[in-house]
């Protein structure tokens, strides 16, 4: 079963679209967009296993230039 997570990102001012562009190039990212509010960017991550999730967030998402902070919300499918 696939592991799904929503990652909320805070970015440096003016870097929101740059971060979205980089996220969109990653095959594990199904969706990425700029937000207005407490967080600057959102992305939906889908990987084969939860063990891949932490690796992706720590090594790929958090290291994008302009990313200041991330909050990762893991998702569960109804009934599982």
PDB file of N, CA and C in Angstrom:
ATOM      1  N   UNK A   1       0.838  -1.179   0.000  1.00  0.00           N
ATOM      2  CA  UNK A   1       0.000   0.000   0.000  1.00  0.00           C
ATOM      3  C   UNK A   1       0.887   1.247   0.000  1.00  0.00           C
ATOM      4  N   UNK A   2       0.536   2.199  -0.797  1.00  0.00           N
ATOM      5  CA  UNK A   2       1.295   3.444  -0.915  1.00  0.00           C
ATOM      6  C   UNK A   2       1.203   4.254   0.368  1.00  0.00           C
ATOM      7  N   UNK A   3       2.258   4.991   0.650  1.00  0.00           N
ATOM      8  CA  UNK A   3       2.294   5.928   1.767  1.00  0.00           C
ATOM      9  C   UNK A   3       2.057   7.323   1.212  1.00  0.00           C
ATOM     10  N   UNK A   4       1.115   8.024   1.799  1.00  0.00           N
ATOM     11  CA  UNK A   4       0.741   9.356   1.328  1.00  0.00           C
ATOM     12  C   UNK A   4       0.963  10.360   2.453  1.00  0.00           C
ATOM     13  N   UNK A   5       1.507  11.516   2.095  1.00  0.00           N
ATOM     14  CA  UNK A   5       1.699  12.575   3.084  1.00  0.00           C
ATOM     15  C   UNK A   5       1.450  13.928   2.432  1.00  0.00           C
ATOM     16  N   UNK A   6       1.007  14.853   3.235  1.00  0.00           N
ATOM     17  CA  UNK A   6       0.875  16.243   2.829  1.00  0.00           C
ATOM     18  C   UNK A   6       1.975  16.997   3.549  1.00  0.00           C
ATOM     19  N   UNK A   7       2.754  17.754   2.806  1.00  0.00           N
ATOM     20  CA  UNK A   7       3.847  18.515   3.400  1.00  0.00           C
ATOM     21  C   UNK A   7       3.536  19.997   3.231  1.00  0.00           C
ATOM     22  N   UNK A   8       3.534  20.704   4.351  1.00  0.00           N
ATOM     23  CA  UNK A   8       3.301  22.145   4.368  1.00  0.00           C
ATOM     24  C   UNK A   8       4.653  22.809   4.573  1.00  0.00           C
ATOM     25  N   UNK A   9       4.960  23.774   3.735  1.00  0.00           N
ATOM     26  CA  UNK A   9       6.285  24.402   3.771  1.00  0.00           C
ATOM     27  C   UNK A   9       6.193  25.896   4.025  1.00  0.00           C
ATOM     28  N   UNK A  10       7.144  26.391   4.790  1.00  0.00           N
ATOM     29  CA  UNK A  10       7.363  27.823   4.945  1.00  0.00           C
ATOM     30  C   UNK A  10       8.616  28.133   4.134  1.00  0.00           C
ATOM     31  N   UNK A  11       8.552  29.186   3.331  1.00  0.00           N
ATOM     32  CA  UNK A  11       9.679  29.538   2.467  1.00  0.00           C
ATOM     33  C   UNK A  11      10.185  30.942   2.773  1.00  0.00           C
ATOM     34  N   UNK A  12      11.330  31.242   2.237  1.00  0.00           N
ATOM     35  CA  UNK A  12      11.811  32.617   2.286  1.00  0.00           C
ATOM     36  C   UNK A  12      10.874  33.469   1.444  1.00  0.00           C
ATOM     37  N   UNK A  13      10.663  34.726   1.823  1.00  0.00           N
ATOM     38  CA  UNK A  13       9.774  35.591   1.052  1.00  0.00           C
ATOM     39  C   UNK A  13      10.183  35.656  -0.423  1.00  0.00           C
ATOM     40  N   UNK A  14       9.197  35.498  -1.290  1.00  0.00           N
ATOM     41  CA  UNK A  14       9.430  35.589  -2.726  1.00  0.00           C
ATOM     42  C   UNK A  14       9.947  34.314  -3.375  1.00  0.00           C
ATOM     43  N   UNK A  15      10.171  33.259  -2.602  1.00  0.00           N
ATOM     44  CA  UNK A  15      10.712  32.009  -3.143  1.00  0.00           C
ATOM     45  C   UNK A  15       9.641  30.933  -3.335  1.00  0.00           C
ATOM     46  N   UNK A  16       8.391  31.267  -3.083  1.00  0.00           N
ATOM     47  CA  UNK A  16       7.322  30.273  -3.120  1.00  0.00           C
ATOM     48  C   UNK A  16       7.247  29.540  -4.463  1.00  0.00           C
ATOM     49  N   UNK A  17       7.184  30.270  -5.552  1.00  0.00           N
ATOM     50  CA  UNK A  17       7.034  29.646  -6.866  1.00  0.00           C
ATOM     51  C   UNK A  17       8.279  28.849  -7.257  1.00  0.00           C
ATOM     52  N   UNK A  18       9.452  29.312  -6.869  1.00  0.00           N
ATOM     53  CA  UNK A  18      10.685  28.564  -7.131  1.00  0.00           C
ATOM     54  C   UNK A  18      10.629  27.195  -6.456  1.00  0.00           C
ATOM     55  N   UNK A  19      10.156  27.171  -5.214  1.00  0.00           N
ATOM     56  CA  UNK A  19      10.051  25.920  -4.468  1.00  0.00           C
ATOM     57  C   UNK A  19       9.027  25.001  -5.131  1.00  0.00           C
ATOM     58  N   UNK A  20       7.883  25.538  -5.508  1.00  0.00           N
ATOM     59  CA  UNK A  20       6.861  24.737  -6.197  1.00  0.00           C
ATOM     60  C   UNK A  20       7.431  24.145  -7.484  1.00  0.00           C
ATOM     61  N   UNK A  21       8.174  24.931  -8.232  1.00  0.00           N
ATOM     62  CA  UNK A  21       8.764  24.442  -9.483  1.00  0.00           C
ATOM     63  C   UNK A  21       9.702  23.266  -9.234  1.00  0.00           C
ATOM     64  N   UNK A  22      10.527  23.354  -8.193  1.00  0.00           N
ATOM     65  CA  UNK A  22      11.448  22.253  -7.880  1.00  0.00           C
ATOM     66  C   UNK A  22      10.699  21.023  -7.397  1.00  0.00           C
ATOM     67  N   UNK A  23       9.701  21.228  -6.556  1.00  0.00           N
ATOM     68  CA  UNK A  23       8.901  20.109  -6.078  1.00  0.00           C
ATOM     69  C   UNK A  23       8.220  19.388  -7.235  1.00  0.00           C
ATOM     70  N   UNK A  24       7.710  20.146  -8.181  1.00  0.00           N
ATOM     71  CA  UNK A  24       6.972  19.574  -9.321  1.00  0.00           C
ATOM     72  C   UNK A  24       7.841  18.680 -10.197  1.00  0.00           C
ATOM     73  N   UNK A  25       9.140  18.833 -10.114  1.00  0.00           N
ATOM     74  CA  UNK A  25      10.057  17.999 -10.902  1.00  0.00           C
ATOM     75  C   UNK A  25      10.316  16.637 -10.260  1.00  0.00           C
ATOM     76  N   UNK A  26       9.930  16.467  -8.988  1.00  0.00           N
ATOM     77  CA  UNK A  26      10.167  15.203  -8.287  1.00  0.00           C
ATOM     78  C   UNK A  26       9.038  14.226  -8.609  1.00  0.00           C
ATOM     79  N   UNK A  27       9.356  13.011  -9.031  1.00  0.00           N
ATOM     80  CA  UNK A  27       8.309  12.066  -9.411  1.00  0.00           C
ATOM     81  C   UNK A  27       7.389  11.656  -8.258  1.00  0.00           C
ATOM     82  N   UNK A  28       7.857  11.752  -7.024  1.00  0.00           N
ATOM     83  CA  UNK A  28       7.043  11.362  -5.871  1.00  0.00           C
ATOM     84  C   UNK A  28       6.014  12.428  -5.483  1.00  0.00           C
ATOM     85  N   UNK A  29       6.152  13.616  -6.024  1.00  0.00           N
ATOM     86  CA  UNK A  29       5.239  14.720  -5.698  1.00  0.00           C
ATOM     87  C   UNK A  29       4.092  14.717  -6.705  1.00  0.00           C
ATOM     88  N   UNK A  30       2.887  14.423  -6.213  1.00  0.00           N
ATOM     89  CA  UNK A  30       1.714  14.387  -7.097  1.00  0.00           C
ATOM     90  C   UNK A  30       1.151  15.768  -7.364  1.00  0.00           C
ATOM     91  N   UNK A  31       1.342  16.679  -6.421  1.00  0.00           N
ATOM     92  CA  UNK A  31       0.751  18.012  -6.547  1.00  0.00           C
ATOM     93  C   UNK A  31       1.545  18.978  -5.684  1.00  0.00           C
ATOM     94  N   UNK A  32       1.736  20.181  -6.167  1.00  0.00           N
ATOM     95  CA  UNK A  32       2.403  21.227  -5.388  1.00  0.00           C
ATOM     96  C   UNK A  32       1.807  22.562  -5.785  1.00  0.00           C
ATOM     97  N   UNK A  33       1.587  23.419  -4.800  1.00  0.00           N
ATOM     98  CA  UNK A  33       1.025  24.734  -5.114  1.00  0.00           C
ATOM     99  C   UNK A  33       1.346  25.750  -4.037  1.00  0.00           C
ATOM    100  N   UNK A  34       1.302  27.018  -4.436  1.00  0.00           N
ATOM    101  CA  UNK A  34       1.504  28.138  -3.518  1.00  0.00           C
ATOM    102  C   UNK A  34       0.233  28.325  -2.706  1.00  0.00           C
ATOM    103  N   UNK A  35       0.396  28.609  -1.424  1.00  0.00           N
ATOM    104  CA  UNK A  35      -0.726  28.862  -0.526  1.00  0.00           C
ATOM    105  C   UNK A  35      -0.678  30.298  -0.010  1.00  0.00           C
ATOM    106  N   UNK A  36      -1.789  30.756   0.495  1.00  0.00           N
ATOM    107  CA  UNK A  36      -1.858  32.043   1.178  1.00  0.00           C
ATOM    108  C   UNK A  36      -2.321  31.761   2.598  1.00  0.00           C
ATOM    109  N   UNK A  37      -1.555  32.183   3.582  1.00  0.00           N
ATOM    110  CA  UNK A  37      -1.907  31.917   4.971  1.00  0.00           C
ATOM    111  C   UNK A  37      -0.675  31.578   5.767  1.00  0.00           C
ATOM    112  N   UNK A  38      -0.844  30.717   6.761  1.00  0.00           N
ATOM    113  CA  UNK A  38       0.256  30.369   7.658  1.00  0.00           C
ATOM    114  C   UNK A  38       1.411  29.686   6.936  1.00  0.00           C
ATOM    115  N   UNK A  39       1.104  28.868   5.929  1.00  0.00           N
ATOM    116  CA  UNK A  39       2.132  28.177   5.149  1.00  0.00           C
ATOM    117  C   UNK A  39       2.185  28.770   3.751  1.00  0.00           C
ATOM    118  N   UNK A  40       3.337  28.625   3.110  1.00  0.00           N
ATOM    119  CA  UNK A  40       3.550  29.224   1.796  1.00  0.00           C
ATOM    120  C   UNK A  40       3.352  28.250   0.642  1.00  0.00           C
ATOM    121  N   UNK A  41       3.634  26.964   0.881  1.00  0.00           N
ATOM    122  CA  UNK A  41       3.572  25.948  -0.176  1.00  0.00           C
ATOM    123  C   UNK A  41       3.019  24.663   0.415  1.00  0.00           C
ATOM    124  N   UNK A  42       2.298  23.930  -0.414  1.00  0.00           N
ATOM    125  CA  UNK A  42       1.766  22.619  -0.062  1.00  0.00           C
ATOM    126  C   UNK A  42       2.222  21.637  -1.120  1.00  0.00           C
ATOM    127  N   UNK A  43       2.505  20.397  -0.710  1.00  0.00           N
ATOM    128  CA  UNK A  43       2.701  19.346  -1.707  1.00  0.00           C
ATOM    129  C   UNK A  43       2.169  18.027  -1.184  1.00  0.00           C
ATOM    130  N   UNK A  44       1.724  17.191  -2.119  1.00  0.00           N
ATOM    131  CA  UNK A  44       1.231  15.850  -1.806  1.00  0.00           C
ATOM    132  C   UNK A  44       2.280  14.856  -2.269  1.00  0.00           C
ATOM    133  N   UNK A  45       2.737  14.026  -1.329  1.00  0.00           N
ATOM    134  CA  UNK A  45       3.784  13.044  -1.601  1.00  0.00           C
ATOM    135  C   UNK A  45       3.169  11.655  -1.606  1.00  0.00           C
ATOM    136  N   UNK A  46       3.512  10.853  -2.613  1.00  0.00           N
ATOM    137  CA  UNK A  46       3.084   9.456  -2.663  1.00  0.00           C
ATOM    138  C   UNK A  46       4.313   8.599  -2.933  1.00  0.00           C
ATOM    139  N   UNK A  47       4.608   7.706  -1.988  1.00  0.00           N
ATOM    140  CA  UNK A  47       5.736   6.780  -2.111  1.00  0.00           C
ATOM    141  C   UNK A  47       5.241   5.372  -1.804  1.00  0.00           C
ATOM    142  N   UNK A  48       6.057   4.385  -2.114  1.00  0.00           N
ATOM    143  CA  UNK A  48       5.648   2.997  -1.906  1.00  0.00           C
ATOM    144  C   UNK A  48       5.544   2.612  -0.436  1.00  0.00           C
ATOM    145  N   UNK A  49       6.450   3.133   0.391  1.00  0.00           N
ATOM    146  CA  UNK A  49       6.496   2.773   1.809  1.00  0.00           C
ATOM    147  C   UNK A  49       6.805   4.001   2.664  1.00  0.00           C
ATOM    148  N   UNK A  50       6.348   3.973   3.921  1.00  0.00           N
ATOM    149  CA  UNK A  50       6.594   5.094   4.818  1.00  0.00           C
ATOM    150  C   UNK A  50       8.075   5.333   5.051  1.00  0.00           C
ATOM    151  N   UNK A  51       8.893   4.297   4.975  1.00  0.00           N
ATOM    152  CA  UNK A  51      10.330   4.478   5.175  1.00  0.00           C
ATOM    153  C   UNK A  51      10.925   5.409   4.115  1.00  0.00           C
ATOM    154  N   UNK A  52      10.336   5.432   2.932  1.00  0.00           N
ATOM    155  CA  UNK A  52      10.808   6.318   1.868  1.00  0.00           C
ATOM    156  C   UNK A  52      10.407   7.765   2.119  1.00  0.00           C
ATOM    157  N   UNK A  53       9.349   7.955   2.872  1.00  0.00           N
ATOM    158  CA  UNK A  53       8.822   9.294   3.124  1.00  0.00           C
ATOM    159  C   UNK A  53       9.825  10.170   3.868  1.00  0.00           C
ATOM    160  N   UNK A  54      10.365   9.673   4.957  1.00  0.00           N
ATOM    161  CA  UNK A  54      11.307  10.500   5.727  1.00  0.00           C
ATOM    162  C   UNK A  54      12.551  10.813   4.909  1.00  0.00           C
ATOM    163  N   UNK A  55      13.015   9.849   4.148  1.00  0.00           N
ATOM    164  CA  UNK A  55      14.190  10.074   3.301  1.00  0.00           C
ATOM    165  C   UNK A  55      13.919  11.175   2.276  1.00  0.00           C
ATOM    166  N   UNK A  56      12.758  11.117   1.644  1.00  0.00           N
ATOM    167  CA  UNK A  56      12.400  12.119   0.636  1.00  0.00           C
ATOM    168  C   UNK A  56      12.305  13.512   1.253  1.00  0.00           C
ATOM    169  N   UNK A  57      11.623  13.614   2.383  1.00  0.00           N
ATOM    170  CA  UNK A  57      11.441  14.924   3.006  1.00  0.00           C
ATOM    171  C   UNK A  57      12.782  15.478   3.497  1.00  0.00           C
ATOM    172  N   UNK A  58      13.557  14.649   4.170  1.00  0.00           N
ATOM    173  CA  UNK A  58      14.822  15.127   4.739  1.00  0.00           C
ATOM    174  C   UNK A  58      15.872  15.441   3.677  1.00  0.00           C
ATOM    175  N   UNK A  59      15.993  14.602   2.661  1.00  0.00           N
ATOM    176  CA  UNK A  59      17.075  14.764   1.683  1.00  0.00           C
ATOM    177  C   UNK A  59      16.696  15.582   0.449  1.00  0.00           C
ATOM    178  N   UNK A  60      15.410  15.605   0.104  1.00  0.00           N
ATOM    179  CA  UNK A  60      15.021  16.280  -1.127  1.00  0.00           C
ATOM    180  C   UNK A  60      14.200  17.548  -0.897  1.00  0.00           C
ATOM    181  N   UNK A  61      13.192  17.463  -0.043  1.00  0.00           N
ATOM    182  CA  UNK A  61      12.294  18.608   0.141  1.00  0.00           C
ATOM    183  C   UNK A  61      12.948  19.683   1.008  1.00  0.00           C
ATOM    184  N   UNK A  62      13.468  19.299   2.159  1.00  0.00           N
ATOM    185  CA  UNK A  62      14.049  20.293   3.076  1.00  0.00           C
ATOM    186  C   UNK A  62      15.310  20.945   2.544  1.00  0.00           C
ATOM    187  N   UNK A  63      15.951  20.325   1.583  1.00  0.00           N
ATOM    188  CA  UNK A  63      17.198  20.884   1.058  1.00  0.00           C
ATOM    189  C   UNK A  63      16.985  21.817  -0.130  1.00  0.00           C
ATOM    190  N   UNK A  64      15.742  22.009  -0.561  1.00  0.00           N
ATOM    191  CA  UNK A  64      15.453  22.944  -1.648  1.00  0.00           C
ATOM    192  C   UNK A  64      15.799  24.355  -1.177  1.00  0.00           C
ATOM    193  N   UNK A  65      16.516  25.077  -2.004  1.00  0.00           N
ATOM    194  CA  UNK A  65      16.877  26.451  -1.677  1.00  0.00           C
ATOM    195  C   UNK A  65      15.613  27.285  -1.481  1.00  0.00           C
ATOM    196  N   UNK A  66      15.521  27.974  -0.358  1.00  0.00           N
ATOM    197  CA  UNK A  66      14.365  28.808  -0.058  1.00  0.00           C
ATOM    198  C   UNK A  66      13.409  28.184   0.945  1.00  0.00           C
ATOM    199  N   UNK A  67      13.540  26.887   1.229  1.00  0.00           N
ATOM    200  CA  UNK A  67      12.687  26.233   2.216  1.00  0.00           C
ATOM    201  C   UNK A  67      13.230  26.540   3.603  1.00  0.00           C
ATOM    202  N   UNK A  68      12.360  27.050   4.470  1.00  0.00           N
ATOM    203  CA  UNK A  68      12.738  27.411   5.829  1.00  0.00           C
ATOM    204  C   UNK A  68      12.302  26.338   6.822  1.00  0.00           C
ATOM    205  N   UNK A  69      11.090  25.805   6.631  1.00  0.00           N
ATOM    206  CA  UNK A  69      10.524  24.863   7.599  1.00  0.00           C
ATOM    207  C   UNK A  69       9.504  23.981   6.898  1.00  0.00           C
ATOM    208  N   UNK A  70       9.374  22.734   7.375  1.00  0.00           N
ATOM    209  CA  UNK A  70       8.359  21.835   6.836  1.00  0.00           C
ATOM    210  C   UNK A  70       7.549  21.224   7.965  1.00  0.00           C
ATOM    211  N   UNK A  71       6.296  20.923   7.671  1.00  0.00           N
ATOM    212  CA  UNK A  71       5.421  20.168   8.555  1.00  0.00           C
ATOM    213  C   UNK A  71       4.834  19.047   7.715  1.00  0.00           C
ATOM    214  N   UNK A  72       5.024  17.805   8.158  1.00  0.00           N
ATOM    215  CA  UNK A  72       4.569  16.661   7.387  1.00  0.00           C
ATOM    216  C   UNK A  72       3.392  16.003   8.073  1.00  0.00           C
ATOM    217  N   UNK A  73       2.316  15.836   7.323  1.00  0.00           N
ATOM    218  CA  UNK A  73       1.107  15.189   7.818  1.00  0.00           C
ATOM    219  C   UNK A  73       0.937  13.883   7.048  1.00  0.00           C
ATOM    220  N   UNK A  74       0.999  12.750   7.750  1.00  0.00           N
ATOM    221  CA  UNK A  74       0.810  11.478   7.059  1.00  0.00           C
ATOM    222  C   UNK A  74      -0.683  11.196   6.961  1.00  0.00           C
ATOM    223  N   UNK A  75      -1.067  10.591   5.862  1.00  0.00           N
ATOM    224  CA  UNK A  75      -2.483  10.355   5.606  1.00  0.00           C
ATOM    225  C   UNK A  75      -2.808   8.874   5.776  1.00  0.00           C
ATOM    226  N   UNK A  76      -4.035   8.608   6.195  1.00  0.00           N
ATOM    227  CA  UNK A  76      -4.531   7.250   6.301  1.00  0.00           C
ATOM    228  C   UNK A  76      -5.810   7.149   5.497  1.00  0.00           C
ATOM    229  N   UNK A  77      -5.942   6.064   4.758  1.00  0.00           N
ATOM    230  CA  UNK A  77      -7.171   5.857   3.998  1.00  0.00           C
ATOM    231  C   UNK A  77      -8.267   5.385   4.934  1.00  0.00           C
ATOM    232  N   UNK A  78      -9.487   5.770   4.646  1.00  0.00           N
ATOM    233  CA  UNK A  78     -10.636   5.397   5.461  1.00  0.00           C
ATOM    234  C   UNK A  78     -10.732   3.877   5.575  1.00  0.00           C
ATOM    235  N   UNK A  79     -10.903   3.392   6.799  1.00  0.00           N
ATOM    236  CA  UNK A  79     -11.073   1.968   7.004  1.00  0.00           C
ATOM    237  C   UNK A  79      -9.795   1.169   7.077  1.00  0.00           C
ATOM    238  N   UNK A  80      -8.636   1.860   7.085  1.00  0.00           N
ATOM    239  CA  UNK A  80      -7.366   1.124   7.147  1.00  0.00           C
ATOM    240  C   UNK A  80      -6.529   1.597   8.297  1.00  0.00           C
TER     241      UNK A  80
END
